């Protein structure tokens, strides 16, 4: 009986791995997680699902998928991907302070990790968005010095130039915009509440 059970488990693990390799859509990955959640492939499906959600702009769902992975695998070779993925999702959501803290913690705790340059750049973006372009530039200078003669040096230089030009947008009401576009246009800001445009540039515009 034990041999049969062991063979059944191996077959299930193999089937889960095969489905993980072929799964692409969000629906396929969600089904895989439900059916094979206890297998390695089932747990790994949460990472792929998080990427799908992130790419589609569903940042809360991406964060939930990363959290589900970390709950199952708090210590794993892919754990760092999930931790840094959370930081990117917070940044994309506009939760800049949370994202900056996460990026900073990652780079400080993992000085030699292959993903650490991404954490440097993420923290620099967050600093610039928060209005501290000087600190962002200084942080990128550290990365440039540490990654001299590597592709990361060029990417950090490019981001530094982008952040130097970045200007935080001030809140502008819908009616102010309308007045600027159509001089003399009558607007009733008392009867109708003003619609605010985003106060900051979306994080996606500052991707490395």
Foldseek 3Di string as FASTA:
>chain_A
DVVVVVVVVVVLLVVLVVQLVVDDDLVSLVVSLVVVVPHPSNLCSLQNNLVNCVVVVNLVSSLVSLVSSCVNPVDDPCNLVSLLSNLVSCLQVVVLVVSLVSLVVSCVVCVPDPCNLVSLQSNLLSCLQVPNLVVSLVSLVVVLVVQPPHPSNVVSVVLNVVSVPDDFAAKDWPVNVVCVVPPPDDDDCVVDPTDIDDRGDRSVVSHD
